[in-house]
Amino acid sequence: MTVRPGRPERERGAPIVDPKPAATVVVLRPAADGFEVLLTRRAAAMRFGADMYVFPGGRLDPDDADHRAAAVRETLEETGIELDAEGLIPLSRWVTPPGLPSRFDARFFAALVGPATDVAAASAEVADWRWLRPTDALAAGSAGELEMWQPTVVTLQQLEGLRDRAGIEAAFAPDPDSGATDGVGFELVARGLHRVRQPWAGGIEGRSKTGWLVGEREWVFVNPADPTGETIAATVARAEARGATLVGVAITDLLPAHHAGVEMLAAGLGLPVAAGPSASEIAPYPVIELRDGDRVPFGDVPLTARTGPALDDPAARPERVSYEGPGWRLPDRG
């Protein structure tokens, strides 16, 4: 078992405040094999998130009619790039965890621009910028060249391999069969094991994904998918009602719908995160890397990691791991 530091955490310790409505824009221009995405580096003098690479965006102003209007205005103010509000593609929703100094309830949009588009008039908040393919941006983040927050990392993961507007719209479309409209749900599967229905999987409206709660009085959340806080708030309330406590997070791999909600637990509640080998090369948060046979080092129900080559799946991620409990094994790709 190896503890990896991951990326720097956000500043913590501020009083809990309500999140402000905000809009974020993923500006995409055509490239030879898909898109390049605009990442701007926040100025070193910024009080919050200095030198981090982010997408343009900010909170709604009183004069903004809606999120789309704020998205257009913020992009113009920060980069000089003019956008059409009607052409924005809704992507996802991210809420900053409680306890951080600034909190936002942000709607993410994609904006497709022409191949010659570039930053025309950077604001004082923008120290630099780069146009990168999502795959290259993620590689630069893994190499430590770009510091990025989890919403940025997950969005880049979600955009990998997409080549046109239709592909983006399909990738972020609601899934009417996922049960997302039913809200958060809990189902007892075995002693010390609950299945969790999570809306907003990967931050996408109308998507749902299964997570797991393992434990009797000390609960481990496996594969938190919801970055809006709805699932975590319901889980915390359930734990308090049953005299239990959330003590940690375990993830089977770094697919967006398996780790998008980690920040709510890691940065919001200060919980440790366990994952498979090499997970820290991707994760923008500290990770306890597990080898085959390692036990997750928290929780009151034994949870053992199982790794190894997935011979039936040549596309298996290198950090993939499954977890065994007493008499059951969680799926590693559910």
C-alpha atoms as a PDB file:
ATOM      1  CA  MET A   1       0.000   0.000   0.000  1.00  0.00           C
ATOM      2  CA  THR A   2       1.397   3.378  -1.040  1.00  0.00           C
ATOM      3  CA  VAL A   3       0.246   6.861  -0.090  1.00  0.00           C
ATOM      4  CA  ARG A   4       0.558   9.328  -2.956  1.00  0.00           C
ATOM      5  CA  PRO A   5       0.165  13.077  -2.442  1.00  0.00           C
ATOM      6  CA  GLY A   6      -1.906  13.799  -5.551  1.00  0.00           C
ATOM      7  CA  ARG A   7      -2.506  17.400  -6.589  1.00  0.00           C
ATOM      8  CA  PRO A   8      -2.619  20.315  -4.125  1.00  0.00           C
ATOM      9  CA  GLU A   9      -5.925  20.634  -2.304  1.00  0.00           C
ATOM     10  CA  ARG A  10      -7.891  23.853  -2.336  1.00  0.00           C
ATOM     11  CA  GLU A  11      -7.549  26.180   0.595  1.00  0.00           C
ATOM     12  CA  ARG A  12      -9.711  24.973   3.471  1.00  0.00           C
ATOM     13  CA  GLY A  13     -10.952  26.118   6.869  1.00  0.00           C
ATOM     14  CA  ALA A  14     -13.379  28.851   5.804  1.00  0.00           C
ATOM     15  CA  PRO A  15     -16.850  29.057   7.381  1.00  0.00           C
ATOM     16  CA  ILE A  16     -19.495  27.121   5.472  1.00  0.00           C
ATOM     17  CA  VAL A  17     -21.312  29.438   3.082  1.00  0.00           C
ATOM     18  CA  ASP A  18     -24.045  28.917   0.519  1.00  0.00           C
ATOM     19  CA  PRO A  19     -22.725  28.340  -3.016  1.00  0.00           C
ATOM     20  CA  LYS A  20     -23.177  31.178  -5.493  1.00  0.00           C
ATOM     21  CA  PRO A  21     -24.733  30.432  -8.908  1.00  0.00           C
ATOM     22  CA  ALA A  22     -22.011  30.380 -11.558  1.00  0.00           C
ATOM     23  CA  ALA A  23     -21.304  29.423 -15.155  1.00  0.00           C
ATOM     24  CA  THR A  24     -18.235  27.805 -16.704  1.00  0.00           C
ATOM     25  CA  VAL A  25     -17.446  27.582 -20.424  1.00  0.00           C
ATOM     26  CA  VAL A  26     -15.387  24.908 -22.135  1.00  0.00           C
ATOM     27  CA  VAL A  27     -14.270  26.685 -25.313  1.00  0.00           C
ATOM     28  CA  LEU A  28     -13.456  24.192 -28.074  1.00  0.00           C
ATOM     29  CA  ARG A  29     -11.868  24.910 -31.441  1.00  0.00           C
ATOM     30  CA  PRO A  30     -11.353  22.352 -34.237  1.00  0.00           C
ATOM     31  CA  ALA A  31      -8.148  20.336 -34.354  1.00  0.00           C
ATOM     32  CA  ALA A  32      -6.919  17.664 -36.757  1.00  0.00           C
ATOM     33  CA  ASP A  33      -8.505  14.816 -34.818  1.00  0.00           C
ATOM     34  CA  GLY A  34     -11.205  16.503 -32.766  1.00  0.00           C
ATOM     35  CA  PHE A  35     -10.958  19.592 -30.588  1.00  0.00           C
ATOM     36  CA  GLU A  36      -8.523  21.731 -28.671  1.00  0.00           C
ATOM     37  CA  VAL A  37      -9.790  23.137 -25.378  1.00  0.00           C
ATOM     38  CA  LEU A  38      -8.921  26.548 -23.932  1.00  0.00           C
ATOM     39  CA  LEU A  39      -7.351  26.449 -20.468  1.00  0.00           C
ATOM     40  CA  THR A  40      -6.501  29.731 -18.773  1.00  0.00           C
ATOM     41  CA  ARG A  41      -4.017  30.079 -15.931  1.00  0.00           C
ATOM     42  CA  ARG A  42      -5.258  32.108 -13.001  1.00  0.00           C
ATOM     43  CA  ALA A  43      -3.011  35.025 -12.007  1.00  0.00           C
ATOM     44  CA  ALA A  44      -0.528  34.459  -9.203  1.00  0.00           C
ATOM     45  CA  ALA A  45      -2.053  37.347  -7.244  1.00  0.00           C
ATOM     46  CA  MET A  46      -5.474  35.662  -7.075  1.00  0.00           C
ATOM     47  CA  ARG A  47      -6.607  35.012  -3.496  1.00  0.00           C
ATOM     48  CA  PHE A  48      -8.084  31.666  -4.453  1.00  0.00           C
ATOM     49  CA  GLY A  49      -6.597  29.105  -6.833  1.00  0.00           C
ATOM     50  CA  ALA A  50      -3.563  31.087  -7.961  1.00  0.00           C
ATOM     51  CA  ASP A  51      -1.753  29.544 -10.967  1.00  0.00           C
ATOM     52  CA  MET A  52      -4.427  26.857 -11.456  1.00  0.00           C
ATOM     53  CA  TYR A  53      -5.496  26.057 -15.021  1.00  0.00           C
ATOM     54  CA  VAL A  54      -9.248  26.473 -15.432  1.00  0.00           C
ATOM     55  CA  PHE A  55     -11.985  27.038 -17.987  1.00  0.00           C
ATOM     56  CA  PRO A  56     -13.325  30.610 -18.304  1.00  0.00           C
ATOM     57  CA  GLY A  57     -16.265  31.416 -16.070  1.00  0.00           C
ATOM     58  CA  GLY A  58     -17.547  33.007 -12.909  1.00  0.00           C
ATOM     59  CA  ARG A  59     -20.575  33.761 -10.807  1.00  0.00           C
ATOM     60  CA  LEU A  60     -23.836  35.178 -12.093  1.00  0.00           C
ATOM     61  CA  ASP A  61     -24.163  38.951 -11.824  1.00  0.00           C
ATOM     62  CA  PRO A  62     -27.487  40.631 -10.972  1.00  0.00           C
ATOM     63  CA  ASP A  63     -27.802  41.768 -14.591  1.00  0.00           C
ATOM     64  CA  ASP A  64     -27.383  38.253 -16.006  1.00  0.00           C
ATOM     65  CA  ALA A  65     -30.668  36.839 -17.228  1.00  0.00           C
ATOM     66  CA  ASP A  66     -29.528  33.236 -16.698  1.00  0.00           C
ATOM     67  CA  HIS A  67     -26.510  30.913 -16.712  1.00  0.00           C
ATOM     68  CA  ARG A  68     -26.082  31.205 -20.460  1.00  0.00           C
ATOM     69  CA  ALA A  69     -25.876  34.973 -20.242  1.00  0.00           C
ATOM     70  CA  ALA A  70     -23.288  34.709 -17.468  1.00  0.00           C
ATOM     71  CA  ALA A  71     -21.293  32.213 -19.516  1.00  0.00           C
ATOM     72  CA  VAL A  72     -21.139  34.547 -22.502  1.00  0.00           C
ATOM     73  CA  ARG A  73     -20.301  37.599 -20.382  1.00  0.00           C
ATOM     74  CA  GLU A  74     -17.575  35.879 -18.340  1.00  0.00           C
ATOM     75  CA  THR A  75     -15.894  34.445 -21.421  1.00  0.00           C
ATOM     76  CA  LEU A  76     -15.875  37.839 -23.120  1.00  0.00           C
ATOM     77  CA  GLU A  77     -14.531  39.594 -20.007  1.00  0.00           C
ATOM     78  CA  GLU A  78     -11.770  37.052 -19.382  1.00  0.00           C
ATOM     79  CA  THR A  79     -10.659  36.278 -22.941  1.00  0.00           C
ATOM     80  CA  GLY A  80     -12.252  38.692 -25.391  1.00  0.00           C
ATOM     81  CA  ILE A  81     -13.899  35.753 -27.185  1.00  0.00           C
ATOM     82  CA  GLU A  82     -17.498  36.420 -28.211  1.00  0.00           C
ATOM     83  CA  LEU A  83     -19.981  33.558 -27.936  1.00  0.00           C
ATOM     84  CA  ASP A  84     -23.572  32.952 -28.946  1.00  0.00           C
ATOM     85  CA  ALA A  85     -25.664  32.030 -25.902  1.00  0.00           C
ATOM     86  CA  GLU A  86     -28.022  29.930 -28.009  1.00  0.00           C
ATOM     87  CA  GLY A  87     -25.134  27.862 -29.340  1.00  0.00           C
ATOM     88  CA  LEU A  88     -23.906  26.739 -25.919  1.00  0.00           C
ATOM     89  CA  ILE A  89     -24.140  23.008 -25.170  1.00  0.00           C
ATOM     90  CA  PRO A  90     -25.115  22.105 -21.577  1.00  0.00           C
ATOM     91  CA  LEU A  91     -22.552  19.751 -20.054  1.00  0.00           C
ATOM     92  CA  SER A  92     -22.686  19.282 -16.310  1.00  0.00           C
ATOM     93  CA  ARG A  93     -23.184  20.751 -12.846  1.00  0.00           C
ATOM     94  CA  TRP A  94     -20.516  21.058 -10.149  1.00  0.00           C
ATOM     95  CA  VAL A  95     -20.918  22.388  -6.608  1.00  0.00           C
ATOM     96  CA  THR A  96     -17.908  23.422  -4.542  1.00  0.00           C
ATOM     97  CA  PRO A  97     -17.714  21.332  -1.336  1.00  0.00           C
ATOM     98  CA  PRO A  98     -18.635  22.901   2.021  1.00  0.00           C
ATOM     99  CA  GLY A  99     -15.809  24.341   4.097  1.00  0.00           C
ATOM    100  CA  LEU A 100     -13.859  25.908   1.239  1.00  0.00           C
ATOM    101  CA  PRO A 101     -13.375  29.696   1.172  1.00  0.00           C
ATOM    102  CA  SER A 102     -15.409  30.261  -2.006  1.00  0.00           C
ATOM    103  CA  ARG A 103     -18.332  28.101  -3.092  1.00  0.00           C
ATOM    104  CA  PHE A 104     -20.100  27.967  -6.447  1.00  0.00           C
ATOM    105  CA  ASP A 105     -22.984  26.018  -7.935  1.00  0.00           C
ATOM    106  CA  ALA A 106     -21.660  26.034 -11.474  1.00  0.00           C
ATOM    107  CA  ARG A 107     -23.291  24.994 -14.731  1.00  0.00           C
ATOM    108  CA  PHE A 108     -20.776  23.914 -17.340  1.00  0.00           C
ATOM    109  CA  PHE A 109     -21.325  24.603 -21.049  1.00  0.00           C
ATOM    110  CA  ALA A 110     -19.364  23.808 -24.201  1.00  0.00           C
ATOM    111  CA  ALA A 111     -18.876  26.477 -26.873  1.00  0.00           C
ATOM    112  CA  LEU A 112     -17.647  25.543 -30.338  1.00  0.00           C
ATOM    113  CA  VAL A 113     -15.617  28.292 -32.026  1.00  0.00           C
ATOM    114  CA  GLY A 114     -13.780  28.709 -35.318  1.00  0.00           C
ATOM    115  CA  PRO A 115     -10.300  27.290 -35.973  1.00  0.00           C
ATOM    116  CA  ALA A 116      -8.636  30.708 -35.901  1.00  0.00           C
ATOM    117  CA  THR A 117     -10.126  31.707 -32.536  1.00  0.00           C
ATOM    118  CA  ASP A 118      -7.705  32.781 -29.837  1.00  0.00           C
ATOM    119  CA  VAL A 119      -7.718  34.879 -26.691  1.00  0.00           C
ATOM    120  CA  ALA A 120      -8.088  38.459 -27.861  1.00  0.00           C
ATOM    121  CA  ALA A 121      -8.045  40.467 -24.628  1.00  0.00           C
ATOM    122  CA  ALA A 122      -7.072  38.597 -21.479  1.00  0.00           C
ATOM    123  CA  SER A 123      -8.346  40.078 -18.232  1.00  0.00           C
ATOM    124  CA  ALA A 124      -6.202  40.660 -15.148  1.00  0.00           C
ATOM    125  CA  GLU A 125      -7.392  37.277 -13.835  1.00  0.00           C
ATOM    126  CA  VAL A 126      -5.745  35.470 -16.750  1.00  0.00           C
ATOM    127  CA  ALA A 127      -1.956  35.158 -16.560  1.00  0.00           C
ATOM    128  CA  ASP A 128      -1.584  32.801 -19.519  1.00  0.00           C
ATOM    129  CA  TRP A 129      -3.535  30.333 -21.591  1.00  0.00           C
ATOM    130  CA  ARG A 130      -3.062  27.154 -23.594  1.00  0.00           C
ATOM    131  CA  TRP A 131      -5.036  25.359 -26.299  1.00  0.00           C
ATOM    132  CA  LEU A 132      -4.657  21.602 -25.845  1.00  0.00           C
ATOM    133  CA  ARG A 133      -6.432  18.458 -26.899  1.00  0.00           C
ATOM    134  CA  PRO A 134      -8.196  16.974 -23.857  1.00  0.00           C
ATOM    135  CA  THR A 135      -5.849  13.963 -23.927  1.00  0.00           C
ATOM    136  CA  ASP A 136      -2.782  16.203 -23.975  1.00  0.00           C
ATOM    137  CA  ALA A 137      -4.132  18.392 -21.188  1.00  0.00           C
ATOM    138  CA  LEU A 138      -4.701  15.334 -18.993  1.00  0.00           C
ATOM    139  CA  ALA A 139      -1.190  14.078 -19.765  1.00  0.00           C
ATOM    140  CA  ALA A 140       0.256  17.471 -18.823  1.00  0.00           C
ATOM    141  CA  GLY A 141      -1.712  17.374 -15.581  1.00  0.00           C
ATOM    142  CA  SER A 142      -0.427  13.889 -14.766  1.00  0.00           C
ATOM    143  CA  ALA A 143       3.131  15.077 -15.446  1.00  0.00           C
ATOM    144  CA  GLY A 144       2.705  17.999 -13.052  1.00  0.00           C
ATOM    145  CA  GLU A 145       2.908  20.629 -15.795  1.00  0.00           C
ATOM    146  CA  LEU A 146      -0.652  21.891 -15.246  1.00  0.00           C
ATOM    147  CA  GLU A 147      -2.364  22.173 -11.877  1.00  0.00           C
ATOM    148  CA  MET A 148      -6.088  21.548 -12.282  1.00  0.00           C
ATOM    149  CA  TRP A 149      -9.059  21.044 -10.011  1.00  0.00           C
ATOM    150  CA  GLN A 150     -11.212  17.962 -10.213  1.00  0.00           C
ATOM    151  CA  PRO A 151     -14.071  19.524 -12.241  1.00  0.00           C
ATOM    152  CA  THR A 152     -11.528  20.443 -14.914  1.00  0.00           C
ATOM    153  CA  VAL A 153      -9.943  16.990 -14.917  1.00  0.00           C
ATOM    154  CA  VAL A 154     -13.261  15.136 -15.105  1.00  0.00           C
ATOM    155  CA  THR A 155     -14.581  17.388 -17.873  1.00  0.00           C
ATOM    156  CA  LEU A 156     -11.438  16.769 -19.911  1.00  0.00           C
ATOM    157  CA  GLN A 157     -11.900  13.033 -19.369  1.00  0.00           C
ATOM    158  CA  GLN A 158     -15.485  13.296 -20.586  1.00  0.00           C
ATOM    159  CA  LEU A 159     -14.384  15.150 -23.728  1.00  0.00           C
ATOM    160  CA  GLU A 160     -11.679  12.679 -24.756  1.00  0.00           C
ATOM    161  CA  GLY A 161     -12.338  11.188 -28.173  1.00  0.00           C
ATOM    162  CA  LEU A 162     -15.262  13.466 -29.059  1.00  0.00           C
ATOM    163  CA  ARG A 163     -14.996  14.934 -32.553  1.00  0.00           C
ATOM    164  CA  ASP A 164     -18.087  17.016 -33.274  1.00  0.00           C
ATOM    165  CA  ARG A 165     -21.119  18.748 -31.811  1.00  0.00           C
ATOM    166  CA  ALA A 166     -23.311  15.665 -32.162  1.00  0.00           C
ATOM    167  CA  GLY A 167     -20.811  13.609 -30.206  1.00  0.00           C
ATOM    168  CA  ILE A 168     -20.691  16.148 -27.398  1.00  0.00           C
ATOM    169  CA  GLU A 169     -24.467  16.391 -27.183  1.00  0.00           C
ATOM    170  CA  ALA A 170     -24.777  12.602 -27.031  1.00  0.00           C
ATOM    171  CA  ALA A 171     -22.043  12.227 -24.423  1.00  0.00           C
ATOM    172  CA  PHE A 172     -23.742  14.687 -22.065  1.00  0.00           C
ATOM    173  CA  ALA A 173     -27.365  13.813 -22.780  1.00  0.00           C
ATOM    174  CA  PRO A 174     -29.742  12.575 -20.058  1.00  0.00           C
ATOM    175  CA  ASP A 175     -30.339   8.842 -19.794  1.00  0.00           C
ATOM    176  CA  PRO A 176     -34.099   8.319 -19.412  1.00  0.00           C
ATOM    177  CA  ASP A 177     -33.592   4.716 -18.302  1.00  0.00           C
ATOM    178  CA  SER A 178     -31.061   5.419 -15.539  1.00  0.00           C
ATOM    179  CA  GLY A 179     -33.531   6.226 -12.765  1.00  0.00           C
ATOM    180  CA  ALA A 180     -31.889   9.609 -12.179  1.00  0.00           C
ATOM    181  CA  THR A 181     -35.249  11.346 -11.767  1.00  0.00           C
ATOM    182  CA  ASP A 182     -35.975   9.099  -8.772  1.00  0.00           C
ATOM    183  CA  GLY A 183     -33.329  10.934  -6.741  1.00  0.00           C
ATOM    184  CA  VAL A 184     -30.938   9.417  -4.208  1.00  0.00           C
ATOM    185  CA  GLY A 185     -31.852   5.913  -3.078  1.00  0.00           C
ATOM    186  CA  PHE A 186     -30.424   3.281  -0.719  1.00  0.00           C
ATOM    187  CA  GLU A 187     -30.927  -0.488  -0.855  1.00  0.00           C
ATOM    188  CA  LEU A 188     -29.639  -3.042   1.665  1.00  0.00           C
ATOM    189  CA  VAL A 189     -27.858  -5.789  -0.276  1.00  0.00           C
ATOM    190  CA  ALA A 190     -26.097  -7.670   2.529  1.00  0.00           C
ATOM    191  CA  ARG A 191     -25.059  -7.003   6.074  1.00  0.00           C
ATOM    192  CA  GLY A 192     -22.794  -3.993   6.009  1.00  0.00           C
ATOM    193  CA  LEU A 193     -23.442  -3.332   2.310  1.00  0.00           C
ATOM    194  CA  HIS A 194     -25.882  -0.863   0.723  1.00  0.00           C
ATOM    195  CA  ARG A 195     -26.358  -0.034  -2.940  1.00  0.00           C
ATOM    196  CA  VAL A 196     -26.677   3.711  -3.560  1.00  0.00           C
ATOM    197  CA  ARG A 197     -28.548   5.250  -6.498  1.00  0.00           C
ATOM    198  CA  GLN A 198     -26.783   8.502  -7.378  1.00  0.00           C
ATOM    199  CA  PRO A 199     -28.303  11.194  -9.606  1.00  0.00           C
ATOM    200  CA  TRP A 200     -26.098  13.695 -11.438  1.00  0.00           C
ATOM    201  CA  ALA A 201     -23.583  10.953 -12.289  1.00  0.00           C
ATOM    202  CA  GLY A 202     -20.472  12.680 -13.591  1.00  0.00           C
ATOM    203  CA  GLY A 203     -22.333  15.955 -13.048  1.00  0.00           C
ATOM    204  CA  ILE A 204     -24.670  15.207 -15.962  1.00  0.00           C
ATOM    205  CA  GLU A 205     -28.353  15.977 -15.475  1.00  0.00           C
ATOM    206  CA  GLY A 206     -30.587  12.963 -15.990  1.00  0.00           C
ATOM    207  CA  ARG A 207     -27.787  10.432 -15.421  1.00  0.00           C
ATOM    208  CA  SER A 208     -27.641   7.966 -12.526  1.00  0.00           C
ATOM    209  CA  LYS A 209     -24.904   5.617 -11.366  1.00  0.00           C
ATOM    210  CA  THR A 210     -24.583   2.969  -8.670  1.00  0.00           C
ATOM    211  CA  GLY A 211     -22.351   3.524  -5.678  1.00  0.00           C
ATOM    212  CA  TRP A 212     -21.882   1.432  -2.540  1.00  0.00           C
ATOM    213  CA  LEU A 213     -21.781   2.006   1.206  1.00  0.00           C
ATOM    214  CA  VAL A 214     -19.681  -0.547   3.070  1.00  0.00           C
ATOM    215  CA  GLY A 215     -19.722  -0.701   6.866  1.00  0.00           C
ATOM    216  CA  GLU A 216     -21.748  -1.140  10.040  1.00  0.00           C
ATOM    217  CA  ARG A 217     -20.951   2.048  11.970  1.00  0.00           C
ATOM    218  CA  GLU A 218     -17.940   3.258   9.964  1.00  0.00           C
ATOM    219  CA  TRP A 219     -19.016   3.668   6.356  1.00  0.00           C
ATOM    220  CA  VAL A 220     -16.811   3.651   3.263  1.00  0.00           C
ATOM    221  CA  PHE A 221     -18.334   5.168   0.117  1.00  0.00           C
ATOM    222  CA  VAL A 222     -17.312   3.258  -3.006  1.00  0.00           C
ATOM    223  CA  ASN A 223     -17.462   5.086  -6.356  1.00  0.00           C
ATOM    224  CA  PRO A 224     -19.074   8.439  -5.524  1.00  0.00           C
ATOM    225  CA  ALA A 225     -20.384   9.749  -8.855  1.00  0.00           C
ATOM    226  CA  ASP A 226     -22.354  12.871  -7.922  1.00  0.00           C
ATOM    227  CA  PRO A 227     -20.422  16.186  -7.705  1.00  0.00           C
ATOM    228  CA  THR A 228     -23.482  18.286  -6.798  1.00  0.00           C
ATOM    229  CA  GLY A 229     -23.604  17.284  -3.135  1.00  0.00           C
ATOM    230  CA  GLU A 230     -27.114  15.834  -3.289  1.00  0.00           C
ATOM    231  CA  THR A 231     -25.982  12.233  -2.798  1.00  0.00           C
ATOM    232  CA  ILE A 232     -23.470  13.084  -0.090  1.00  0.00           C
ATOM    233  CA  ALA A 233     -25.981  15.192   1.855  1.00  0.00           C
ATOM    234  CA  ALA A 234     -28.470  12.309   1.784  1.00  0.00           C
ATOM    235  CA  THR A 235     -25.750   9.860   2.819  1.00  0.00           C
ATOM    236  CA  VAL A 236     -24.586  12.004   5.733  1.00  0.00           C
ATOM    237  CA  ALA A 237     -28.171  12.396   6.921  1.00  0.00           C
ATOM    238  CA  ARG A 238     -28.697   8.628   6.691  1.00  0.00           C
ATOM    239  CA  ALA A 239     -25.481   7.962   8.604  1.00  0.00           C
ATOM    240  CA  GLU A 240     -26.438  10.375  11.386  1.00  0.00           C
ATOM    241  CA  ALA A 241     -29.882   8.788  11.686  1.00  0.00           C
ATOM    242  CA  ARG A 242     -28.274   5.364  12.139  1.00  0.00           C
ATOM    243  CA  GLY A 243     -25.448   6.389  14.436  1.00  0.00           C
ATOM    244  CA  ALA A 244     -22.844   5.826  11.727  1.00  0.00           C
ATOM    245  CA  THR A 245     -20.009   7.951  10.329  1.00  0.00           C
ATOM    246  CA  LEU A 246     -18.483   8.284   6.881  1.00  0.00           C
ATOM    247  CA  VAL A 247     -14.778   7.471   7.281  1.00  0.00           C
ATOM    248  CA  GLY A 248     -13.352   7.147   3.775  1.00  0.00           C
ATOM    249  CA  VAL A 249     -13.712   6.679   0.032  1.00  0.00           C
ATOM    250  CA  ALA A 250     -12.710   3.821  -2.263  1.00  0.00           C
ATOM    251  CA  ILE A 251     -12.848   3.946  -6.053  1.00  0.00           C
ATOM    252  CA  THR A 252     -12.546   1.171  -8.615  1.00  0.00           C
ATOM    253  CA  ASP A 253     -11.017   3.372 -11.317  1.00  0.00           C
ATOM    254  CA  LEU A 254     -10.765   6.968 -12.470  1.00  0.00           C
ATOM    255  CA  LEU A 255     -13.664   6.914 -14.914  1.00  0.00           C
ATOM    256  CA  PRO A 256     -15.684  10.136 -14.497  1.00  0.00           C
ATOM    257  CA  ALA A 257     -18.820   8.341 -13.282  1.00  0.00           C
ATOM    258  CA  HIS A 258     -16.782   6.527 -10.611  1.00  0.00           C
ATOM    259  CA  HIS A 259     -14.883   9.418  -9.067  1.00  0.00           C
ATOM    260  CA  ALA A 260     -16.636  12.688  -9.947  1.00  0.00           C
ATOM    261  CA  GLY A 261     -18.056  12.942  -6.417  1.00  0.00           C
ATOM    262  CA  VAL A 262     -14.777  12.350  -4.597  1.00  0.00           C
ATOM    263  CA  GLU A 263     -14.143  16.060  -4.008  1.00  0.00           C
ATOM    264  CA  MET A 264     -17.319  16.323  -1.906  1.00  0.00           C
ATOM    265  CA  LEU A 265     -15.920  13.695   0.444  1.00  0.00           C
ATOM    266  CA  ALA A 266     -12.172  14.352   0.247  1.00  0.00           C
ATOM    267  CA  ALA A 267     -12.095  18.152   0.224  1.00  0.00           C
ATOM    268  CA  GLY A 268     -15.512  18.692   1.785  1.00  0.00           C
ATOM    269  CA  LEU A 269     -15.333  16.203   4.667  1.00  0.00           C
ATOM    270  CA  GLY A 270     -11.577  15.611   4.756  1.00  0.00           C
ATOM    271  CA  LEU A 271     -11.856  11.861   4.135  1.00  0.00           C
ATOM    272  CA  PRO A 272      -9.026   9.645   2.828  1.00  0.00           C
ATOM    273  CA  VAL A 273      -9.316   8.071  -0.634  1.00  0.00           C
ATOM    274  CA  ALA A 274      -8.178   4.566  -1.588  1.00  0.00           C
ATOM    275  CA  ALA A 275      -7.723   3.466  -5.199  1.00  0.00           C
ATOM    276  CA  GLY A 276      -5.747   1.077  -7.370  1.00  0.00           C
ATOM    277  CA  PRO A 277      -2.145   1.235  -8.624  1.00  0.00           C
ATOM    278  CA  SER A 278      -1.130   4.406 -10.505  1.00  0.00           C
ATOM    279  CA  ALA A 279      -4.371   6.231  -9.598  1.00  0.00           C
ATOM    280  CA  SER A 280      -2.384   9.171  -8.259  1.00  0.00           C
ATOM    281  CA  GLU A 281      -1.095   9.829 -11.776  1.00  0.00           C
ATOM    282  CA  ILE A 282      -4.602  10.963 -12.681  1.00  0.00           C
ATOM    283  CA  ALA A 283      -6.362  11.916  -9.461  1.00  0.00           C
ATOM    284  CA  PRO A 284      -6.256  15.613  -8.496  1.00  0.00           C
ATOM    285  CA  TYR A 285      -6.494  14.665  -4.792  1.00  0.00           C
ATOM    286  CA  PRO A 286      -4.331  12.593  -2.403  1.00  0.00           C
ATOM    287  CA  VAL A 287      -4.684   8.845  -2.932  1.00  0.00           C
ATOM    288  CA  ILE A 288      -3.770   5.717  -0.969  1.00  0.00           C
ATOM    289  CA  GLU A 289      -2.719   3.303  -3.713  1.00  0.00           C
ATOM    290  CA  LEU A 290      -3.620  -0.349  -3.100  1.00  0.00           C
ATOM    291  CA  ARG A 291      -1.961  -3.471  -4.465  1.00  0.00           C
ATOM    292  CA  ASP A 292      -3.609  -6.855  -4.853  1.00  0.00           C
ATOM    293  CA  GLY A 293      -4.586  -8.205  -1.452  1.00  0.00           C
ATOM    294  CA  ASP A 294      -4.262  -4.872   0.389  1.00  0.00           C
ATOM    295  CA  ARG A 295      -7.075  -4.037   2.756  1.00  0.00           C
ATOM    296  CA  VAL A 296      -8.688  -0.623   2.575  1.00  0.00           C
ATOM    297  CA  PRO A 297      -7.220   1.016   5.721  1.00  0.00           C
ATOM    298  CA  PHE A 298     -10.482   2.380   7.109  1.00  0.00           C
ATOM    299  CA  GLY A 299     -14.003   1.184   7.801  1.00  0.00           C
ATOM    300  CA  ASP A 300     -15.309  -1.545  10.121  1.00  0.00           C
ATOM    301  CA  VAL A 301     -16.146  -4.142   7.440  1.00  0.00           C
ATOM    302  CA  PRO A 302     -13.063  -5.721   5.791  1.00  0.00           C
ATOM    303  CA  LEU A 303     -12.675  -4.500   2.226  1.00  0.00           C
ATOM    304  CA  THR A 304      -9.865  -6.081   0.217  1.00  0.00           C
ATOM    305  CA  ALA A 305      -8.487  -4.832  -3.095  1.00  0.00           C
ATOM    306  CA  ARG A 306      -8.145  -7.212  -6.011  1.00  0.00           C
ATOM    307  CA  THR A 307      -6.078  -6.159  -9.011  1.00  0.00           C
ATOM    308  CA  GLY A 308      -4.517  -7.864 -11.983  1.00  0.00           C
ATOM    309  CA  PRO A 309      -4.673  -7.912 -15.759  1.00  0.00           C
ATOM    310  CA  ALA A 310      -8.161  -7.941 -17.229  1.00  0.00           C
ATOM    311  CA  LEU A 311      -7.470 -10.448 -20.017  1.00  0.00           C
ATOM    312  CA  ASP A 312     -11.000 -10.154 -21.356  1.00  0.00           C
ATOM    313  CA  ASP A 313     -10.821  -6.389 -21.564  1.00  0.00           C
ATOM    314  CA  PRO A 314      -7.830  -4.950 -23.468  1.00  0.00           C
ATOM    315  CA  ALA A 315      -9.126  -1.438 -22.758  1.00  0.00           C
ATOM    316  CA  ALA A 316      -9.007  -1.921 -18.972  1.00  0.00           C
ATOM    317  CA  ARG A 317      -7.604   1.057 -17.124  1.00  0.00           C
ATOM    318  CA  PRO A 318      -4.270   0.413 -15.347  1.00  0.00           C
ATOM    319  CA  GLU A 319      -5.624   1.659 -12.006  1.00  0.00           C
ATOM    320  CA  ARG A 320      -8.675  -0.599 -12.056  1.00  0.00           C
ATOM    321  CA  VAL A 321      -9.337  -2.519  -8.856  1.00  0.00           C
ATOM    322  CA  SER A 322     -12.268  -4.440  -7.444  1.00  0.00           C
ATOM    323  CA  TYR A 323     -13.163  -4.869  -3.789  1.00  0.00           C
ATOM    324  CA  GLU A 324     -14.064  -7.995  -1.833  1.00  0.00           C
ATOM    325  CA  GLY A 325     -16.020  -8.039   1.384  1.00  0.00           C
ATOM    326  CA  PRO A 326     -17.198 -10.895   3.605  1.00  0.00           C
ATOM    327  CA  GLY A 327     -18.960 -13.161   1.138  1.00  0.00           C
ATOM    328  CA  TRP A 328     -19.353 -10.693  -1.730  1.00  0.00           C
ATOM    329  CA  ARG A 329     -17.382  -8.830  -4.376  1.00  0.00           C
ATOM    330  CA  LEU A 330     -18.288  -5.425  -5.778  1.00  0.00           C
ATOM    331  CA  PRO A 331     -18.323  -5.009  -9.569  1.00  0.00           C
ATOM    332  CA  ASP A 332     -15.352  -3.029 -10.834  1.00  0.00           C
ATOM    333  CA  ARG A 333     -17.152  -1.404 -13.731  1.00  0.00           C
ATOM    334  CA  GLY A 334     -20.748  -0.892 -12.563  1.00  0.00           C
END
